[in-house]
Amino acid sequence: MAIDFIRVIFAFVIIFLSYLASYVATFLLDKIGHLVSKTKTHLDDEVIKALKIPVRIFFILGGTFWAIYYLNKDLKFGAISVIEVYILIGILFIAYTLRRILQAILIWYGKSIAPKTQSKIDDHLFPFVRKMTTIFIYLIAFIIILDRLGIEIGPLLAGLGVAGLAVALALQDTLSNFFSGVHILADKPVKPGDYIRIDGAQNLEGFVKEIGWRSIRIETTSGDTIILPNSKIAQSTVVNFSFKQ
């Protein structure tokens, strides 16, 4: 019993040291962050900031695992060994860390690069790309975890393909407006401030006030604001009177 008590004490010491190491590591990161803050680019600042939480988690998880493993090497959670549980948690941790790094890079791009470009495409795509990178990273991690658990991912991927097709059909109009908005921003047939006429049943005329990822806002000469889907602009004949100037 005395030996077991000593092992428990030693396990708590391991956990305590892991917490201490996590604080030391974040302290060193703060020092590094102070040094890199003097560089011309802010990318390294964003990456250092993004790594602080993952570094602390890394030491705490590592210490907790070794403490548990030291107490009972044969411990299982159901049919899964403690080592396998740690590997699965490690996969999620890697996905979490990678997601934070990519988000930091995207935030840096949105603050430092996108405002300097003439195109507005990156401004509109930026939120979409941030969400999609998060979904993609965790989806890959989820598939890897299922594979390690011995679950057949082939039928799951086939099911996801069918589900993806159903979602794509349900969002057909939304996606059409989104890509039409990207096309308008890239090709620039119209831009905010232009006076345009959209030929059709209404022969709508007015000033372009805003081009969003889903719709375009036009202010008529009477002061009314008309909101049209981007796909409507892409499919219509548009006369841009501002091109004459």
Protein backbone atom coordinates (compact mmCIF):
# COMPACT_ATOMS: atom_id res chain seq x y z
CA MET A 1 0.00 0.00 0.00
CA ALA A 2 2.90 2.32 0.81
CA ILE A 3 4.36 1.71 -2.62
CA ASP A 4 1.01 2.56 -4.26
CA PHE A 5 0.81 5.77 -2.21
CA ILE A 6 4.31 6.75 -3.32
CA ARG A 7 3.36 6.11 -6.95
CA VAL A 8 0.32 8.35 -6.57
CA ILE A 9 2.46 11.10 -5.05
CA PHE A 10 4.96 10.73 -7.88
CA ALA A 11 2.15 10.91 -10.45
CA PHE A 12 0.94 14.19 -8.91
CA VAL A 13 4.51 15.48 -9.04
CA ILE A 14 4.60 14.69 -12.78
CA ILE A 15 1.36 16.62 -13.31
CA PHE A 16 2.64 19.54 -11.22
CA LEU A 17 5.88 19.66 -13.20
CA SER A 18 3.94 19.57 -16.48
CA TYR A 19 1.89 22.59 -15.35
CA LEU A 20 5.09 24.35 -14.32
CA ALA A 21 6.70 23.52 -17.68
CA SER A 22 3.64 24.90 -19.49
CA TYR A 23 3.99 28.25 -17.70
CA VAL A 24 7.72 28.36 -18.41
CA ALA A 25 7.08 27.60 -22.08
CA THR A 26 4.46 30.35 -22.42
CA PHE A 27 6.82 32.74 -20.61
CA LEU A 28 9.53 31.96 -23.16
CA LEU A 29 6.99 32.43 -25.97
CA ASP A 30 6.14 35.85 -24.55
CA LYS A 31 9.84 36.74 -24.63
CA ILE A 32 10.13 35.51 -28.21
CA GLY A 33 6.97 37.44 -29.07
CA HIS A 34 8.54 40.60 -27.65
CA LEU A 35 11.59 40.07 -29.87
CA VAL A 36 9.66 39.34 -33.07
CA SER A 37 7.38 42.34 -32.46
CA LYS A 38 10.33 44.47 -33.59
CA THR A 39 10.36 42.90 -37.07
CA LYS A 40 8.67 44.57 -40.04
CA THR A 41 6.06 41.86 -40.54
CA HIS A 42 3.30 41.06 -38.05
CA LEU A 43 2.95 37.47 -39.24
CA ASP A 44 5.35 36.11 -36.64
CA ASP A 45 3.46 38.02 -33.92
CA GLU A 46 0.19 36.37 -34.93
CA VAL A 47 1.76 32.89 -35.08
CA ILE A 48 3.41 33.27 -31.65
CA LYS A 49 0.10 34.44 -30.21
CA ALA A 50 -1.69 31.46 -31.76
CA LEU A 51 0.83 28.98 -30.30
CA LYS A 52 0.50 30.04 -26.66
CA ILE A 53 -2.57 27.97 -25.80
CA PRO A 54 -1.48 24.85 -27.78
CA VAL A 55 1.93 24.90 -26.06
CA ARG A 56 0.32 24.95 -22.62
CA ILE A 57 -2.08 22.18 -23.61
CA PHE A 58 0.83 20.12 -24.97
CA PHE A 59 2.72 20.08 -21.66
CA ILE A 60 -0.37 19.57 -19.52
CA LEU A 61 -1.69 16.72 -21.67
CA GLY A 62 1.75 15.14 -21.83
CA GLY A 63 2.23 15.29 -18.07
CA THR A 64 -1.27 13.96 -17.38
CA PHE A 65 -0.73 11.05 -19.78
CA TRP A 66 2.59 10.04 -18.26
CA ALA A 67 1.13 10.28 -14.76
CA ILE A 68 -1.78 7.99 -15.69
CA TYR A 69 0.50 5.64 -17.61
CA TYR A 70 2.89 5.50 -14.65
CA LEU A 71 0.06 4.54 -12.30
CA ASN A 72 -1.46 1.87 -14.54
CA LYS A 73 0.10 0.87 -17.84
CA ASP A 74 -2.73 -1.57 -18.57
CA LEU A 75 -5.54 0.94 -18.03
CA LYS A 76 -8.26 0.77 -20.69
CA PHE A 77 -11.28 2.89 -21.56
CA GLY A 78 -13.62 0.21 -22.75
CA ALA A 79 -11.63 -1.71 -25.36
CA ILE A 80 -9.24 1.18 -26.01
CA SER A 81 -5.88 1.34 -24.25
CA VAL A 82 -4.68 4.51 -22.56
CA ILE A 83 -1.97 4.90 -25.20
CA GLU A 84 -4.54 4.75 -28.00
CA VAL A 85 -6.71 7.32 -26.21
CA TYR A 86 -3.70 9.60 -25.96
CA ILE A 87 -2.98 9.15 -29.68
CA LEU A 88 -6.58 10.06 -30.54
CA ILE A 89 -6.40 13.13 -28.32
CA GLY A 90 -3.08 13.95 -29.97
CA ILE A 91 -4.71 13.89 -33.40
CA LEU A 92 -7.33 16.38 -32.23
CA PHE A 93 -4.60 18.47 -30.63
CA ILE A 94 -2.61 18.59 -33.88
CA ALA A 95 -5.76 19.59 -35.78
CA TYR A 96 -6.49 22.30 -33.20
CA THR A 97 -2.93 23.65 -33.37
CA LEU A 98 -2.85 23.60 -37.17
CA ARG A 99 -6.19 25.38 -37.27
CA ARG A 100 -4.92 28.13 -34.94
CA ILE A 101 -1.76 28.62 -37.03
CA LEU A 102 -3.71 28.83 -40.30
CA GLN A 103 -6.23 31.20 -38.72
CA ALA A 104 -3.34 33.38 -37.53
CA ILE A 105 -1.92 33.48 -41.06
CA LEU A 106 -5.33 34.36 -42.49
CA ILE A 107 -5.86 37.08 -39.87
CA TRP A 108 -2.46 38.54 -40.73
CA TYR A 109 -3.36 38.46 -44.41
CA GLY A 110 -6.70 40.13 -43.74
CA LYS A 111 -5.07 42.92 -41.71
CA SER A 112 -1.84 43.48 -43.65
CA ILE A 113 -2.24 42.32 -47.26
CA ALA A 114 -5.92 42.42 -48.23
CA PRO A 115 -6.42 46.16 -47.52
CA LYS A 116 -3.51 46.98 -49.85
CA THR A 117 -4.90 45.09 -52.85
CA GLN A 118 -7.10 46.83 -55.41
CA SER A 119 -9.38 43.82 -55.74
CA LYS A 120 -12.20 43.29 -53.27
CA ILE A 121 -12.31 39.54 -53.89
CA ASP A 122 -10.09 38.64 -50.95
CA ASP A 123 -12.17 40.85 -48.63
CA HIS A 124 -15.33 38.92 -49.51
CA LEU A 125 -13.70 35.48 -49.64
CA PHE A 126 -11.81 35.95 -46.37
CA PRO A 127 -14.61 34.90 -43.93
CA PHE A 128 -15.58 32.00 -46.20
CA VAL A 129 -11.99 30.70 -46.42
CA ARG A 130 -11.55 30.92 -42.64
CA LYS A 131 -14.64 28.80 -42.02
CA MET A 132 -13.79 26.28 -44.74
CA THR A 133 -10.22 25.74 -43.47
CA THR A 134 -11.58 24.97 -39.99
CA ILE A 135 -14.14 22.52 -41.36
CA PHE A 136 -11.57 20.84 -43.62
CA ILE A 137 -8.95 20.40 -40.87
CA TYR A 138 -11.37 18.88 -38.35
CA LEU A 139 -12.96 16.70 -41.03
CA ILE A 140 -9.55 15.20 -41.86
CA ALA A 141 -8.86 14.67 -38.15
CA PHE A 142 -12.25 12.98 -37.72
CA ILE A 143 -11.56 10.61 -40.63
CA ILE A 144 -8.12 9.71 -39.22
CA ILE A 145 -9.64 9.00 -35.81
CA LEU A 146 -12.30 6.73 -37.31
CA ASP A 147 -9.62 4.88 -39.24
CA ARG A 148 -7.57 4.29 -36.07
CA LEU A 149 -10.69 3.02 -34.29
CA GLY A 150 -11.12 0.45 -37.05
CA ILE A 151 -14.30 1.98 -38.43
CA GLU A 152 -14.73 1.59 -42.19
CA ILE A 153 -14.55 5.06 -43.66
CA GLY A 154 -15.40 4.02 -47.24
CA PRO A 155 -19.18 3.83 -46.69
CA LEU A 156 -18.96 7.00 -44.58
CA LEU A 157 -17.18 8.88 -47.36
CA ALA A 158 -19.77 7.65 -49.84
CA GLY A 159 -22.52 8.84 -47.50
CA LEU A 160 -20.80 12.19 -47.12
CA GLY A 161 -20.63 12.44 -50.91
CA VAL A 162 -24.38 11.88 -51.21
CA ALA A 163 -25.04 14.30 -48.34
CA GLY A 164 -22.72 16.85 -49.94
CA LEU A 165 -24.61 16.56 -53.22
CA ALA A 166 -27.92 17.06 -51.41
CA VAL A 167 -26.56 20.12 -49.61
CA ALA A 168 -25.15 21.50 -52.87
CA LEU A 169 -28.56 21.14 -54.53
CA ALA A 170 -30.27 22.78 -51.56
CA LEU A 171 -27.79 25.66 -51.66
CA GLN A 172 -27.76 25.95 -55.43
CA ASP A 173 -29.13 29.50 -55.48
CA THR A 174 -26.86 30.63 -52.63
CA LEU A 175 -23.77 29.16 -54.31
CA SER A 176 -24.81 30.68 -57.64
CA ASN A 177 -25.07 34.12 -56.01
CA PHE A 178 -21.74 33.63 -54.24
CA PHE A 179 -19.77 32.69 -57.35
CA SER A 180 -21.56 35.37 -59.37
CA GLY A 181 -20.42 37.87 -56.74
CA VAL A 182 -16.84 36.61 -57.07
CA HIS A 183 -17.11 36.98 -60.85
CA ILE A 184 -18.43 40.55 -60.55
CA LEU A 185 -15.63 41.50 -58.16
CA ALA A 186 -12.98 39.91 -60.40
CA ASP A 187 -14.22 41.05 -63.81
CA LYS A 188 -15.49 44.41 -62.50
CA PRO A 189 -18.31 45.01 -64.99
CA VAL A 190 -19.76 47.24 -62.28
CA LYS A 191 -18.35 48.72 -59.09
CA PRO A 192 -19.70 50.87 -56.25
CA GLY A 193 -20.53 54.36 -57.50
CA ASP A 194 -21.32 53.31 -61.09
CA TYR A 195 -24.62 54.36 -62.65
CA ILE A 196 -26.09 51.32 -64.39
CA ARG A 197 -29.21 50.07 -66.12
CA ILE A 198 -30.26 46.45 -65.94
CA ASP A 199 -32.24 45.56 -69.05
CA GLY A 200 -35.25 43.37 -68.44
CA ALA A 201 -38.84 43.60 -67.42
CA GLN A 202 -38.20 46.48 -65.03
CA ASN A 203 -35.32 48.24 -66.84
CA LEU A 204 -33.91 49.13 -63.43
CA GLU A 205 -31.55 52.12 -63.26
CA GLY A 206 -29.53 53.53 -60.39
CA PHE A 207 -26.21 53.86 -58.61
CA VAL A 208 -24.40 50.79 -57.33
CA LYS A 209 -24.06 51.24 -53.56
CA GLU A 210 -22.58 47.93 -52.45
CA ILE A 211 -21.54 44.57 -53.90
CA GLY A 212 -21.77 41.73 -51.37
CA TRP A 213 -21.06 38.02 -51.58
CA ARG A 214 -24.77 37.27 -52.15
CA SER A 215 -26.41 40.43 -53.50
CA ILE A 216 -25.87 43.88 -54.98
CA ARG A 217 -27.54 47.06 -53.69
CA ILE A 218 -28.68 49.70 -56.16
CA GLU A 219 -30.03 53.13 -55.24
CA THR A 220 -32.52 54.45 -57.78
CA THR A 221 -32.90 58.11 -58.75
CA SER A 222 -36.01 58.25 -56.54
CA GLY A 223 -33.92 57.27 -53.51
CA ASP A 224 -35.17 53.69 -53.22
CA THR A 225 -32.69 50.90 -52.50
CA ILE A 226 -33.10 47.79 -54.62
CA ILE A 227 -31.40 44.55 -53.56
CA LEU A 228 -30.76 42.10 -56.39
CA PRO A 229 -29.15 38.63 -56.24
CA ASN A 230 -25.72 38.57 -57.86
CA SER A 231 -26.86 35.81 -60.21
CA LYS A 232 -29.48 38.22 -61.60
CA ILE A 233 -26.73 40.70 -62.51
CA ALA A 234 -24.58 37.96 -64.03
CA GLN A 235 -27.44 36.71 -66.23
CA SER A 236 -28.72 40.12 -67.34
CA THR A 237 -27.55 42.69 -69.85
CA VAL A 238 -26.09 45.55 -67.84
CA VAL A 239 -25.48 49.00 -69.30
CA ASN A 240 -22.78 50.82 -67.31
CA PHE A 241 -23.06 54.54 -68.06
CA SER A 242 -20.00 55.28 -65.93
CA PHE A 243 -17.76 53.66 -68.56
CA LYS A 244 -18.35 56.72 -70.74
CA GLN A 245 -16.64 59.00 -68.24
